[in-house]
PDB file of all heavy atoms in Angstrom:
ATOM      1  N   VAL A   1      56.967 -17.521 184.250  1.00  0.00           N
ATOM      2  CA  VAL A   1      57.177 -17.525 185.702  1.00  0.00           C
ATOM      3  C   VAL A   1      57.152 -16.091 186.202  1.00  0.00           C
ATOM      4  O   VAL A   1      57.779 -15.204 185.620  1.00  0.00           O
ATOM      5  CB  VAL A   1      58.523 -18.193 186.067  1.00  0.00           C
ATOM      6  CG1 VAL A   1      58.859 -17.992 187.535  1.00  0.00           C
ATOM      7  CG2 VAL A   1      58.481 -19.691 185.741  1.00  0.00           C
ATOM      8  N   LEU A   2      56.426 -15.871 187.304  1.00  0.00           N
ATOM      9  CA  LEU A   2      56.320 -14.561 187.930  1.00  0.00           C
ATOM     10  C   LEU A   2      56.881 -14.652 189.350  1.00  0.00           C
ATOM     11  O   LEU A   2      56.429 -15.468 190.154  1.00  0.00           O
ATOM     12  CB  LEU A   2      54.857 -14.118 187.973  1.00  0.00           C
ATOM     13  CG  LEU A   2      54.541 -12.720 188.513  1.00  0.00           C
ATOM     14  CD1 LEU A   2      55.256 -11.652 187.697  1.00  0.00           C
ATOM     15  CD2 LEU A   2      53.039 -12.480 188.510  1.00  0.00           C
ATOM     16  N   LEU A   3      57.896 -13.827 189.646  1.00  0.00           N
ATOM     17  CA  LEU A   3      58.567 -13.822 190.942  1.00  0.00           C
ATOM     18  C   LEU A   3      58.317 -12.482 191.616  1.00  0.00           C
ATOM     19  O   LEU A   3      58.586 -11.434 191.026  1.00  0.00           O
ATOM     20  CB  LEU A   3      60.071 -14.055 190.763  1.00  0.00           C
ATOM     21  CG  LEU A   3      60.460 -15.321 189.973  1.00  0.00           C
ATOM     22  CD1 LEU A   3      61.954 -15.323 189.688  1.00  0.00           C
ATOM     23  CD2 LEU A   3      60.048 -16.576 190.723  1.00  0.00           C
ATOM     24  N   MET A   4      57.804 -12.513 192.859  1.00  0.00           N
ATOM     25  CA  MET A   4      57.401 -11.281 193.529  1.00  0.00           C
ATOM     26  C   MET A   4      57.968 -11.262 194.950  1.00  0.00           C
ATOM     27  O   MET A   4      57.723 -12.179 195.737  1.00  0.00           O
ATOM     28  CB  MET A   4      55.873 -11.177 193.569  1.00  0.00           C
ATOM     29  CG  MET A   4      55.221 -11.413 192.212  1.00  0.00           C
ATOM     30  SD  MET A   4      53.434 -11.164 192.228  1.00  0.00           S
ATOM     31  CE  MET A   4      53.389  -9.378 192.118  1.00  0.00           C
ATOM     32  N   ASP A   5      58.724 -10.216 195.249  1.00  0.00           N
ATOM     33  CA  ASP A   5      59.354 -10.081 196.562  1.00  0.00           C
ATOM     34  C   ASP A   5      58.705  -8.928 197.321  1.00  0.00           C
ATOM     35  O   ASP A   5      59.012  -7.765 197.074  1.00  0.00           O
ATOM     36  CB  ASP A   5      60.859  -9.839 196.398  1.00  0.00           C
ATOM     37  CG  ASP A   5      61.619  -9.994 197.714  1.00  0.00           C
ATOM     38  OD1 ASP A   5      60.971 -10.154 198.770  1.00  0.00           O
ATOM     39  OD2 ASP A   5      62.861  -9.969 197.680  1.00  0.00           O
ATOM     40  N   GLU A   6      57.767  -9.235 198.222  1.00  0.00           N
ATOM     41  CA  GLU A   6      57.062  -8.240 199.027  1.00  0.00           C
ATOM     42  C   GLU A   6      56.537  -7.079 198.166  1.00  0.00           C
ATOM     43  O   GLU A   6      56.800  -5.910 198.458  1.00  0.00           O
ATOM     44  CB  GLU A   6      57.982  -7.691 200.127  1.00  0.00           C
ATOM     45  CG  GLU A   6      58.209  -8.647 201.283  1.00  0.00           C
ATOM     46  CD  GLU A   6      57.044  -8.691 202.257  1.00  0.00           C
ATOM     47  OE1 GLU A   6      56.095  -7.896 202.114  1.00  0.00           O
ATOM     48  OE2 GLU A   6      57.075  -9.537 203.156  1.00  0.00           O
ATOM     49  N   PRO A   7      55.796  -7.374 197.099  1.00  0.00           N
ATOM     50  CA  PRO A   7      55.394  -6.279 196.206  1.00  0.00           C
ATOM     51  C   PRO A   7      54.458  -5.268 196.857  1.00  0.00           C
ATOM     52  O   PRO A   7      54.350  -4.140 196.386  1.00  0.00           O
ATOM     53  CB  PRO A   7      54.690  -7.016 195.061  1.00  0.00           C
ATOM     54  CG  PRO A   7      54.188  -8.280 195.677  1.00  0.00           C
ATOM     55  CD  PRO A   7      55.251  -8.657 196.664  1.00  0.00           C
ATOM     56  N   PHE A   8      53.779  -5.662 197.960  1.00  0.00           N
ATOM     57  CA  PHE A   8      52.832  -4.750 198.613  1.00  0.00           C
ATOM     58  C   PHE A   8      53.297  -4.374 200.021  1.00  0.00           C
ATOM     59  O   PHE A   8      52.513  -3.869 200.819  1.00  0.00           O
ATOM     60  CB  PHE A   8      51.440  -5.389 198.675  1.00  0.00           C
ATOM     61  CG  PHE A   8      50.987  -5.973 197.370  1.00  0.00           C
ATOM     62  CD1 PHE A   8      50.469  -7.252 197.298  1.00  0.00           C
ATOM     63  CD2 PHE A   8      51.100  -5.242 196.191  1.00  0.00           C
ATOM     64  CE1 PHE A   8      50.068  -7.797 196.094  1.00  0.00           C
ATOM     65  CE2 PHE A   8      50.702  -5.778 194.972  1.00  0.00           C
ATOM     66  CZ  PHE A   8      50.181  -7.061 194.930  1.00  0.00           C
ATOM     67  N   GLY A   9      54.568  -4.631 200.316  1.00  0.00           N
ATOM     68  CA  GLY A   9      55.073  -4.419 201.665  1.00  0.00           C
ATOM     69  C   GLY A   9      55.029  -2.977 202.136  1.00  0.00           C
ATOM     70  O   GLY A   9      54.952  -2.724 203.335  1.00  0.00           O
ATOM     71  N   ALA A  10      55.078  -2.024 201.199  1.00  0.00           N
ATOM     72  CA  ALA A  10      55.097  -0.608 201.589  1.00  0.00           C
ATOM     73  C   ALA A  10      53.701  -0.002 201.661  1.00  0.00           C
ATOM     74  O   ALA A  10      53.560   1.182 201.966  1.00  0.00           O
ATOM     75  CB  ALA A  10      55.953   0.185 200.595  1.00  0.00           C
ATOM     76  N   LEU A  11      52.662  -0.806 201.384  1.00  0.00           N
ATOM     77  CA  LEU A  11      51.306  -0.285 201.357  1.00  0.00           C
ATOM     78  C   LEU A  11      50.616  -0.474 202.705  1.00  0.00           C
ATOM     79  O   LEU A  11      50.945  -1.383 203.460  1.00  0.00           O
ATOM     80  CB  LEU A  11      50.497  -0.990 200.263  1.00  0.00           C
ATOM     81  CG  LEU A  11      51.097  -0.987 198.852  1.00  0.00           C
ATOM     82  CD1 LEU A  11      50.165  -1.702 197.886  1.00  0.00           C
ATOM     83  CD2 LEU A  11      51.375   0.435 198.382  1.00  0.00           C
ATOM     84  N   ASP A  12      49.619   0.387 202.988  1.00  0.00           N
ATOM     85  CA  ASP A  12      48.863   0.213 204.228  1.00  0.00           C
ATOM     86  C   ASP A  12      47.968  -1.023 204.108  1.00  0.00           C
ATOM     87  O   ASP A  12      47.746  -1.563 203.025  1.00  0.00           O
ATOM     88  CB  ASP A  12      48.026   1.460 204.534  1.00  0.00           C
ATOM     89  CG  ASP A  12      46.959   1.742 203.476  1.00  0.00           C
ATOM     90  OD1 ASP A  12      46.012   0.941 203.347  1.00  0.00           O
ATOM     91  OD2 ASP A  12      47.070   2.769 202.771  1.00  0.00           O
ATOM     92  N   GLN A  13      47.432  -1.482 205.250  1.00  0.00           N
ATOM     93  CA  GLN A  13      46.713  -2.739 205.303  1.00  0.00           C
ATOM     94  C   GLN A  13      45.484  -2.758 204.389  1.00  0.00           C
ATOM     95  O   GLN A  13      45.206  -3.760 203.722  1.00  0.00           O
ATOM     96  CB  GLN A  13      46.288  -3.053 206.743  1.00  0.00           C
ATOM     97  CG  GLN A  13      45.566  -4.382 206.936  1.00  0.00           C
ATOM     98  CD  GLN A  13      46.424  -5.580 206.586  1.00  0.00           C
ATOM     99  OE1 GLN A  13      47.658  -5.522 206.664  1.00  0.00           O
ATOM    100  NE2 GLN A  13      45.801  -6.675 206.181  1.00  0.00           N
ATOM    101  N   ILE A  14      44.743  -1.672 204.350  1.00  0.00           N
ATOM    102  CA  ILE A  14      43.532  -1.625 203.521  1.00  0.00           C
ATOM    103  C   ILE A  14      43.896  -1.744 202.047  1.00  0.00           C
ATOM    104  O   ILE A  14      43.299  -2.540 201.304  1.00  0.00           O
ATOM    105  CB  ILE A  14      42.748  -0.323 203.783  1.00  0.00           C
ATOM    106  CG1 ILE A  14      42.228  -0.306 205.228  1.00  0.00           C
ATOM    107  CG2 ILE A  14      41.598  -0.178 202.795  1.00  0.00           C
ATOM    108  CD1 ILE A  14      41.576   1.009 205.626  1.00  0.00           C
ATOM    109  N   LEU A  15      44.899  -0.979 201.617  1.00  0.00           N
ATOM    110  CA  LEU A  15      45.315  -1.019 200.217  1.00  0.00           C
ATOM    111  C   LEU A  15      45.957  -2.360 199.885  1.00  0.00           C
ATOM    112  O   LEU A  15      45.756  -2.907 198.797  1.00  0.00           O
ATOM    113  CB  LEU A  15      46.278   0.128 199.928  1.00  0.00           C
ATOM    114  CG  LEU A  15      46.729   0.313 198.485  1.00  0.00           C
ATOM    115  CD1 LEU A  15      45.532   0.400 197.547  1.00  0.00           C
ATOM    116  CD2 LEU A  15      47.596   1.554 198.359  1.00  0.00           C
ATOM    117  N   ARG A  16      46.712  -2.899 200.841  1.00  0.00           N
ATOM    118  CA  ARG A  16      47.366  -4.184 200.620  1.00  0.00           C
ATOM    119  C   ARG A  16      46.334  -5.278 200.360  1.00  0.00           C
ATOM    120  O   ARG A  16      46.491  -6.097 199.458  1.00  0.00           O
ATOM    121  CB  ARG A  16      48.225  -4.531 201.831  1.00  0.00           C
ATOM    122  CG  ARG A  16      49.042  -5.811 201.676  1.00  0.00           C
ATOM    123  CD  ARG A  16      50.021  -5.975 202.809  1.00  0.00           C
ATOM    124  NE  ARG A  16      50.896  -7.100 202.592  1.00  0.00           N
ATOM    125  CZ  ARG A  16      52.144  -7.160 203.016  1.00  0.00           C
ATOM    126  NH1 ARG A  16      52.669  -6.153 203.667  1.00  0.00           N
ATOM    127  NH2 ARG A  16      52.877  -8.232 202.798  1.00  0.00           N
ATOM    128  N   ARG A  17      45.261  -5.280 201.151  1.00  0.00           N
ATOM    129  CA  ARG A  17      44.224  -6.295 200.959  1.00  0.00           C
ATOM    130  C   ARG A  17      43.553  -6.126 199.603  1.00  0.00           C
ATOM    131  O   ARG A  17      43.256  -7.107 198.917  1.00  0.00           O
ATOM    132  CB  ARG A  17      43.211  -6.219 202.098  1.00  0.00           C
ATOM    133  CG  ARG A  17      42.187  -7.334 202.060  1.00  0.00           C
ATOM    134  CD  ARG A  17      41.662  -7.654 203.437  1.00  0.00           C
ATOM    135  NE  ARG A  17      42.669  -8.238 204.294  1.00  0.00           N
ATOM    136  CZ  ARG A  17      42.445  -8.683 205.540  1.00  0.00           C
ATOM    137  NH1 ARG A  17      41.234  -8.567 206.061  1.00  0.00           N
ATOM    138  NH2 ARG A  17      43.408  -9.209 206.256  1.00  0.00           N
ATOM    139  N   SER A  18      43.317  -4.893 199.218  1.00  0.00           N
ATOM    140  CA  SER A  18      42.741  -4.631 197.901  1.00  0.00           C
ATOM    141  C   SER A  18      43.654  -5.151 196.800  1.00  0.00           C
ATOM    142  O   SER A  18      43.187  -5.746 195.815  1.00  0.00           O
ATOM    143  CB  SER A  18      42.501  -3.129 197.730  1.00  0.00           C
ATOM    144  OG  SER A  18      42.081  -2.830 196.420  1.00  0.00           O
ATOM    145  N   MET A  19      44.963  -4.952 196.971  1.00  0.00           N
ATOM    146  CA  MET A  19      45.911  -5.419 195.963  1.00  0.00           C
ATOM    147  C   MET A  19      46.008  -6.947 195.952  1.00  0.00           C
ATOM    148  O   MET A  19      46.270  -7.558 194.905  1.00  0.00           O
ATOM    149  CB  MET A  19      47.288  -4.799 196.214  1.00  0.00           C
ATOM    150  CG  MET A  19      47.361  -3.309 195.903  1.00  0.00           C
ATOM    151  SD  MET A  19      46.912  -2.900 194.197  1.00  0.00           S
ATOM    152  CE  MET A  19      48.145  -3.807 193.285  1.00  0.00           C
ATOM    153  N   ASN A  20      45.800  -7.601 197.108  1.00  0.00           N
ATOM    154  CA  ASN A  20      45.749  -9.063 197.138  1.00  0.00           C
ATOM    155  C   ASN A  20      44.628  -9.571 196.235  1.00  0.00           C
ATOM    156  O   ASN A  20      44.806 -10.534 195.472  1.00  0.00           O
ATOM    157  CB  ASN A  20      45.509  -9.563 198.564  1.00  0.00           C
ATOM    158  CG  ASN A  20      46.679  -9.373 199.494  1.00  0.00           C
ATOM    159  OD1 ASN A  20      46.519  -9.476 200.713  1.00  0.00           O
ATOM    160  ND2 ASN A  20      47.851  -9.064 198.974  1.00  0.00           N
ATOM    161  N   ILE A  21      43.466  -8.926 196.340  1.00  0.00           N
ATOM    162  CA  ILE A  21      42.318  -9.315 195.519  1.00  0.00           C
ATOM    163  C   ILE A  21      42.623  -9.081 194.040  1.00  0.00           C
ATOM    164  O   ILE A  21      42.311  -9.919 193.175  1.00  0.00           O
ATOM    165  CB  ILE A  21      41.060  -8.551 195.969  1.00  0.00           C
ATOM    166  CG1 ILE A  21      40.704  -8.948 197.406  1.00  0.00           C
ATOM    167  CG2 ILE A  21      39.891  -8.814 195.025  1.00  0.00           C
ATOM    168  CD1 ILE A  21      39.726  -8.006 198.079  1.00  0.00           C
ATOM    169  N   GLU A  22      43.272  -7.951 193.742  1.00  0.00           N
ATOM    170  CA  GLU A  22      43.635  -7.643 192.359  1.00  0.00           C
ATOM    171  C   GLU A  22      44.643  -8.652 191.815  1.00  0.00           C
ATOM    172  O   GLU A  22      44.527  -9.104 190.667  1.00  0.00           O
ATOM    173  CB  GLU A  22      44.208  -6.230 192.271  1.00  0.00           C
ATOM    174  CG  GLU A  22      43.182  -5.126 192.403  1.00  0.00           C
ATOM    175  CD  GLU A  22      42.182  -5.153 191.270  1.00  0.00           C
ATOM    176  OE1 GLU A  22      42.590  -5.138 190.095  1.00  0.00           O
ATOM    177  OE2 GLU A  22      40.975  -5.230 191.559  1.00  0.00           O
ATOM    178  N   LEU A  23      45.638  -9.006 192.641  1.00  0.00           N
ATOM    179  CA  LEU A  23      46.665  -9.939 192.180  1.00  0.00           C
ATOM    180  C   LEU A  23      46.057 -11.309 191.899  1.00  0.00           C
ATOM    181  O   LEU A  23      46.419 -11.969 190.915  1.00  0.00           O
ATOM    182  CB  LEU A  23      47.790 -10.052 193.206  1.00  0.00           C
ATOM    183  CG  LEU A  23      48.916 -11.026 192.840  1.00  0.00           C
ATOM    184  CD1 LEU A  23      49.549 -10.679 191.496  1.00  0.00           C
ATOM    185  CD2 LEU A  23      49.981 -11.049 193.939  1.00  0.00           C
ATOM    186  N   GLN A  24      45.121 -11.745 192.753  1.00  0.00           N
ATOM    187  CA  GLN A  24      44.460 -13.020 192.491  1.00  0.00           C
ATOM    188  C   GLN A  24      43.740 -12.979 191.136  1.00  0.00           C
ATOM    189  O   GLN A  24      43.846 -13.908 190.329  1.00  0.00           O
ATOM    190  CB  GLN A  24      43.445 -13.349 193.585  1.00  0.00           C
ATOM    191  CG  GLN A  24      42.691 -14.642 193.285  1.00  0.00           C
ATOM    192  CD  GLN A  24      41.512 -14.882 194.205  1.00  0.00           C
ATOM    193  OE1 GLN A  24      41.343 -15.974 194.726  1.00  0.00           O
ATOM    194  NE2 GLN A  24      40.686 -13.869 194.404  1.00  0.00           N
ATOM    195  N   ARG A  25      43.035 -11.893 190.868  1.00  0.00           N
ATOM    196  CA  ARG A  25      42.312 -11.757 189.606  1.00  0.00           C
ATOM    197  C   ARG A  25      43.273 -11.797 188.419  1.00  0.00           C
ATOM    198  O   ARG A  25      43.028 -12.496 187.421  1.00  0.00           O
ATOM    199  CB  ARG A  25      41.510 -10.453 189.605  1.00  0.00           C
ATOM    200  CG  ARG A  25      40.726 -10.206 188.323  1.00  0.00           C
ATOM    201  CD  ARG A  25      39.974  -8.884 188.382  1.00  0.00           C
ATOM    202  NE  ARG A  25      40.855  -7.740 188.525  1.00  0.00           N
ATOM    203  CZ  ARG A  25      41.515  -7.178 187.517  1.00  0.00           C
ATOM    204  NH1 ARG A  25      41.383  -7.656 186.287  1.00  0.00           N
ATOM    205  NH2 ARG A  25      42.298  -6.139 187.727  1.00  0.00           N
ATOM    206  N   ILE A  26      44.390 -11.070 188.539  1.00  0.00           N
ATOM    207  CA  ILE A  26      45.374 -11.021 187.460  1.00  0.00           C
ATOM    208  C   ILE A  26      45.995 -12.400 187.247  1.00  0.00           C
ATOM    209  O   ILE A  26      46.156 -12.866 186.115  1.00  0.00           O
ATOM    210  CB  ILE A  26      46.453  -9.965 187.778  1.00  0.00           C
ATOM    211  CG1 ILE A  26      45.838  -8.563 187.727  1.00  0.00           C
ATOM    212  CG2 ILE A  26      47.637 -10.076 186.818  1.00  0.00           C
ATOM    213  CD1 ILE A  26      46.710  -7.490 188.351  1.00  0.00           C
ATOM    214  N   TRP A  27      46.321 -13.080 188.355  1.00  0.00           N
ATOM    215  CA  TRP A  27      46.929 -14.411 188.245  1.00  0.00           C
ATOM    216  C   TRP A  27      45.968 -15.401 187.600  1.00  0.00           C
ATOM    217  O   TRP A  27      46.369 -16.234 186.773  1.00  0.00           O
ATOM    218  CB  TRP A  27      47.359 -14.911 189.618  1.00  0.00           C
ATOM    219  CG  TRP A  27      47.910 -16.308 189.575  1.00  0.00           C
ATOM    220  CD1 TRP A  27      49.163 -16.689 189.185  1.00  0.00           C
ATOM    221  CD2 TRP A  27      47.208 -17.520 189.892  1.00  0.00           C
ATOM    222  NE1 TRP A  27      49.281 -18.059 189.248  1.00  0.00           N
ATOM    223  CE2 TRP A  27      48.107 -18.591 189.682  1.00  0.00           C
ATOM    224  CE3 TRP A  27      45.918 -17.789 190.349  1.00  0.00           C
ATOM    225  CZ2 TRP A  27      47.749 -19.914 189.909  1.00  0.00           C
ATOM    226  CZ3 TRP A  27      45.561 -19.116 190.571  1.00  0.00           C
ATOM    227  CH2 TRP A  27      46.470 -20.163 190.354  1.00  0.00           C
ATOM    228  N   MET A  28      44.686 -15.317 187.930  1.00  0.00           N
ATOM    229  CA  MET A  28      43.710 -16.231 187.347  1.00  0.00           C
ATOM    230  C   MET A  28      43.535 -15.989 185.852  1.00  0.00           C
ATOM    231  O   MET A  28      43.189 -16.900 185.102  1.00  0.00           O
ATOM    232  CB  MET A  28      42.377 -16.130 188.094  1.00  0.00           C
ATOM    233  CG  MET A  28      42.454 -16.701 189.505  1.00  0.00           C
ATOM    234  SD  MET A  28      40.865 -16.726 190.382  1.00  0.00           S
ATOM    235  CE  MET A  28      40.028 -18.047 189.509  1.00  0.00           C
ATOM    236  N   GLU A  29      43.800 -14.763 185.403  1.00  0.00           N
ATOM    237  CA  GLU A  29      43.784 -14.463 183.971  1.00  0.00           C
ATOM    238  C   GLU A  29      45.037 -15.009 183.281  1.00  0.00           C
ATOM    239  O   GLU A  29      44.972 -15.524 182.161  1.00  0.00           O
ATOM    240  CB  GLU A  29      43.732 -12.948 183.756  1.00  0.00           C
ATOM    241  CG  GLU A  29      42.411 -12.298 184.142  1.00  0.00           C
ATOM    242  CD  GLU A  29      41.440 -12.213 182.971  1.00  0.00           C
ATOM    243  OE1 GLU A  29      41.772 -12.749 181.898  1.00  0.00           O
ATOM    244  OE2 GLU A  29      40.366 -11.643 183.150  1.00  0.00           O
ATOM    245  N   ASN A  30      46.177 -14.913 183.979  1.00  0.00           N
ATOM    246  CA  ASN A  30      47.474 -15.183 183.356  1.00  0.00           C
ATOM    247  C   ASN A  30      47.981 -16.602 183.601  1.00  0.00           C
ATOM    248  O   ASN A  30      48.523 -17.236 182.706  1.00  0.00           O
ATOM    249  CB  ASN A  30      48.480 -14.150 183.879  1.00  0.00           C
ATOM    250  CG  ASN A  30      49.867 -14.335 183.326  1.00  0.00           C
ATOM    251  OD1 ASN A  30      50.675 -15.053 183.912  1.00  0.00           O
ATOM    252  ND2 ASN A  30      50.153 -13.703 182.200  1.00  0.00           N
ATOM    253  N   ARG A  31      47.828 -17.077 184.846  1.00  0.00           N
ATOM    254  CA  ARG A  31      48.241 -18.419 185.271  1.00  0.00           C
ATOM    255  C   ARG A  31      49.732 -18.683 185.103  1.00  0.00           C
ATOM    256  O   ARG A  31      50.162 -19.820 184.919  1.00  0.00           O
ATOM    257  CB  ARG A  31      47.456 -19.501 184.533  1.00  0.00           C
ATOM    258  CG  ARG A  31      45.965 -19.500 184.852  1.00  0.00           C
ATOM    259  CD  ARG A  31      45.678 -20.033 186.241  1.00  0.00           C
ATOM    260  NE  ARG A  31      44.243 -20.054 186.501  1.00  0.00           N
ATOM    261  CZ  ARG A  31      43.661 -20.601 187.554  1.00  0.00           C
ATOM    262  NH1 ARG A  31      44.412 -21.171 188.477  1.00  0.00           N
ATOM    263  NH2 ARG A  31      42.358 -20.563 187.715  1.00  0.00           N
ATOM    264  N   ALA A  32      50.552 -17.638 185.182  1.00  0.00           N
ATOM    265  CA  ALA A  32      51.997 -17.857 185.226  1.00  0.00           C
ATOM    266  C   ALA A  32      52.343 -18.563 186.533  1.00  0.00           C
ATOM    267  O   ALA A  32      51.708 -18.340 187.569  1.00  0.00           O
ATOM    268  CB  ALA A  32      52.738 -16.528 185.136  1.00  0.00           C
ATOM    269  N   THR A  33      53.332 -19.425 186.497  1.00  0.00           N
ATOM    270  CA  THR A  33      53.835 -20.049 187.717  1.00  0.00           C
ATOM    271  C   THR A  33      54.378 -18.938 188.611  1.00  0.00           C
ATOM    272  O   THR A  33      55.282 -18.214 188.208  1.00  0.00           O
ATOM    273  CB  THR A  33      54.944 -21.061 187.384  1.00  0.00           C
ATOM    274  OG1 THR A  33      54.463 -21.965 186.388  1.00  0.00           O
ATOM    275  CG2 THR A  33      55.381 -21.824 188.623  1.00  0.00           C
ATOM    276  N   THR A  34      53.817 -18.797 189.812  1.00  0.00           N
ATOM    277  CA  THR A  34      54.117 -17.620 190.632  1.00  0.00           C
ATOM    278  C   THR A  34      54.716 -18.016 191.973  1.00  0.00           C
ATOM    279  O   THR A  34      54.243 -18.948 192.633  1.00  0.00           O
ATOM    280  CB  THR A  34      52.838 -16.787 190.857  1.00  0.00           C
ATOM    281  OG1 THR A  34      52.350 -16.346 189.582  1.00  0.00           O
ATOM    282  CG2 THR A  34      53.116 -15.572 191.730  1.00  0.00           C
ATOM    283  N   LEU A  35      55.755 -17.285 192.361  1.00  0.00           N
ATOM    284  CA  LEU A  35      56.388 -17.440 193.668  1.00  0.00           C
ATOM    285  C   LEU A  35      56.382 -16.082 194.339  1.00  0.00           C
ATOM    286  O   LEU A  35      56.947 -15.120 193.810  1.00  0.00           O
ATOM    287  CB  LEU A  35      57.822 -17.960 193.514  1.00  0.00           C
ATOM    288  CG  LEU A  35      58.499 -18.514 194.767  1.00  0.00           C
ATOM    289  CD1 LEU A  35      57.794 -19.766 195.241  1.00  0.00           C
ATOM    290  CD2 LEU A  35      59.963 -18.830 194.474  1.00  0.00           C
ATOM    291  N   LEU A  36      55.727 -15.990 195.501  1.00  0.00           N
ATOM    292  CA  LEU A  36      55.565 -14.733 196.234  1.00  0.00           C
ATOM    293  C   LEU A  36      56.278 -14.809 197.570  1.00  0.00           C
ATOM    294  O   LEU A  36      56.021 -15.713 198.363  1.00  0.00           O
ATOM    295  CB  LEU A  36      54.072 -14.459 196.461  1.00  0.00           C
ATOM    296  CG  LEU A  36      53.717 -13.314 197.425  1.00  0.00           C
ATOM    297  CD1 LEU A  36      53.983 -11.954 196.779  1.00  0.00           C
ATOM    298  CD2 LEU A  36      52.253 -13.413 197.868  1.00  0.00           C
ATOM    299  N   VAL A  37      57.177 -13.868 197.825  1.00  0.00           N
ATOM    300  CA  VAL A  37      57.793 -13.711 199.148  1.00  0.00           C
ATOM    301  C   VAL A  37      56.968 -12.705 199.933  1.00  0.00           C
ATOM    302  O   VAL A  37      56.681 -11.608 199.439  1.00  0.00           O
ATOM    303  CB  VAL A  37      59.252 -13.223 199.025  1.00  0.00           C
ATOM    304  CG1 VAL A  37      59.795 -12.787 200.388  1.00  0.00           C
ATOM    305  CG2 VAL A  37      60.133 -14.318 198.437  1.00  0.00           C
ATOM    306  N   THR A  38      56.560 -13.072 201.136  1.00  0.00           N
ATOM    307  CA  THR A  38      55.744 -12.179 201.950  1.00  0.00           C
ATOM    308  C   THR A  38      56.012 -12.424 203.428  1.00  0.00           C
ATOM    309  O   THR A  38      56.462 -13.503 203.822  1.00  0.00           O
ATOM    310  CB  THR A  38      54.240 -12.382 201.656  1.00  0.00           C
ATOM    311  OG1 THR A  38      53.476 -11.518 202.490  1.00  0.00           O
ATOM    312  CG2 THR A  38      53.806 -13.820 201.904  1.00  0.00           C
ATOM    313  N   HIS A  39      55.724 -11.400 204.252  1.00  0.00           N
ATOM    314  CA  HIS A  39      55.749 -11.559 205.706  1.00  0.00           C
ATOM    315  C   HIS A  39      54.338 -11.734 206.263  1.00  0.00           C
ATOM    316  O   HIS A  39      54.168 -11.950 207.464  1.00  0.00           O
ATOM    317  CB  HIS A  39      56.406 -10.336 206.371  1.00  0.00           C
ATOM    318  CG  HIS A  39      57.902 -10.345 206.293  1.00  0.00           C
ATOM    319  ND1 HIS A  39      58.604  -9.627 205.354  1.00  0.00           N
ATOM    320  CD2 HIS A  39      58.833 -10.998 207.024  1.00  0.00           C
ATOM    321  CE1 HIS A  39      59.899  -9.818 205.529  1.00  0.00           C
ATOM    322  NE2 HIS A  39      60.067 -10.651 206.529  1.00  0.00           N
ATOM    323  N   GLY A  40      53.326 -11.623 205.398  1.00  0.00           N
ATOM    324  CA  GLY A  40      51.947 -11.681 205.860  1.00  0.00           C
ATOM    325  C   GLY A  40      51.347 -13.067 205.720  1.00  0.00           C
ATOM    326  O   GLY A  40      51.182 -13.569 204.603  1.00  0.00           O
ATOM    327  N   ILE A  41      51.010 -13.707 206.843  1.00  0.00           N
ATOM    328  CA  ILE A  41      50.398 -15.039 206.783  1.00  0.00           C
ATOM    329  C   ILE A  41      49.061 -14.960 206.062  1.00  0.00           C
ATOM    330  O   ILE A  41      48.739 -15.815 205.230  1.00  0.00           O
ATOM    331  CB  ILE A  41      50.215 -15.622 208.201  1.00  0.00           C
ATOM    332  CG1 ILE A  41      51.562 -15.791 208.902  1.00  0.00           C
ATOM    333  CG2 ILE A  41      49.491 -16.972 208.134  1.00  0.00           C
ATOM    334  CD1 ILE A  41      51.461 -16.289 210.337  1.00  0.00           C
ATOM    335  N   ASP A  42      48.259 -13.938 206.353  1.00  0.00           N
ATOM    336  CA  ASP A  42      46.945 -13.822 205.705  1.00  0.00           C
ATOM    337  C   ASP A  42      47.092 -13.626 204.201  1.00  0.00           C
ATOM    338  O   ASP A  42      46.324 -14.196 203.415  1.00  0.00           O
ATOM    339  CB  ASP A  42      46.126 -12.691 206.342  1.00  0.00           C
ATOM    340  CG  ASP A  42      46.797 -11.330 206.266  1.00  0.00           C
ATOM    341  OD1 ASP A  42      48.034 -11.272 206.047  1.00  0.00           O
ATOM    342  OD2 ASP A  42      46.092 -10.307 206.425  1.00  0.00           O
ATOM    343  N   GLU A  43      48.080 -12.846 203.788  1.00  0.00           N
ATOM    344  CA  GLU A  43      48.330 -12.634 202.362  1.00  0.00           C
ATOM    345  C   GLU A  43      48.710 -13.944 201.680  1.00  0.00           C
ATOM    346  O   GLU A  43      48.217 -14.270 200.590  1.00  0.00           O
ATOM    347  CB  GLU A  43      49.442 -11.600 202.184  1.00  0.00           C
ATOM    348  CG  GLU A  43      49.775 -11.259 200.746  1.00  0.00           C
ATOM    349  CD  GLU A  43      50.690 -10.052 200.643  1.00  0.00           C
ATOM    350  OE1 GLU A  43      51.924 -10.222 200.811  1.00  0.00           O
ATOM    351  OE2 GLU A  43      50.175  -8.944 200.418  1.00  0.00           O
ATOM    352  N   ALA A  44      49.590 -14.710 202.329  1.00  0.00           N
ATOM    353  CA  ALA A  44      50.024 -15.994 201.781  1.00  0.00           C
ATOM    354  C   ALA A  44      48.853 -16.956 201.644  1.00  0.00           C
ATOM    355  O   ALA A  44      48.680 -17.621 200.610  1.00  0.00           O
ATOM    356  CB  ALA A  44      51.115 -16.592 202.664  1.00  0.00           C
ATOM    357  N   LEU A  45      48.012 -17.034 202.683  1.00  0.00           N
ATOM    358  CA  LEU A  45      46.865 -17.943 202.666  1.00  0.00           C
ATOM    359  C   LEU A  45      45.848 -17.561 201.599  1.00  0.00           C
ATOM    360  O   LEU A  45      45.265 -18.423 200.945  1.00  0.00           O
ATOM    361  CB  LEU A  45      46.175 -17.944 204.033  1.00  0.00           C
ATOM    362  CG  LEU A  45      46.811 -18.767 205.141  1.00  0.00           C
ATOM    363  CD1 LEU A  45      46.039 -18.591 206.439  1.00  0.00           C
ATOM    364  CD2 LEU A  45      46.845 -20.228 204.762  1.00  0.00           C
TER     365      LEU A  45
END
């Protein structure tokens, strides 16, 4: 299980989006059950 509380909250929008793409790639490799807390609707979607 992977629990993440606003892990990219301190990053600017461009870097945050890049990290969203990276996190998806990492999750698809690992497939741990993941729960992400975020304030970003686009990030959540």
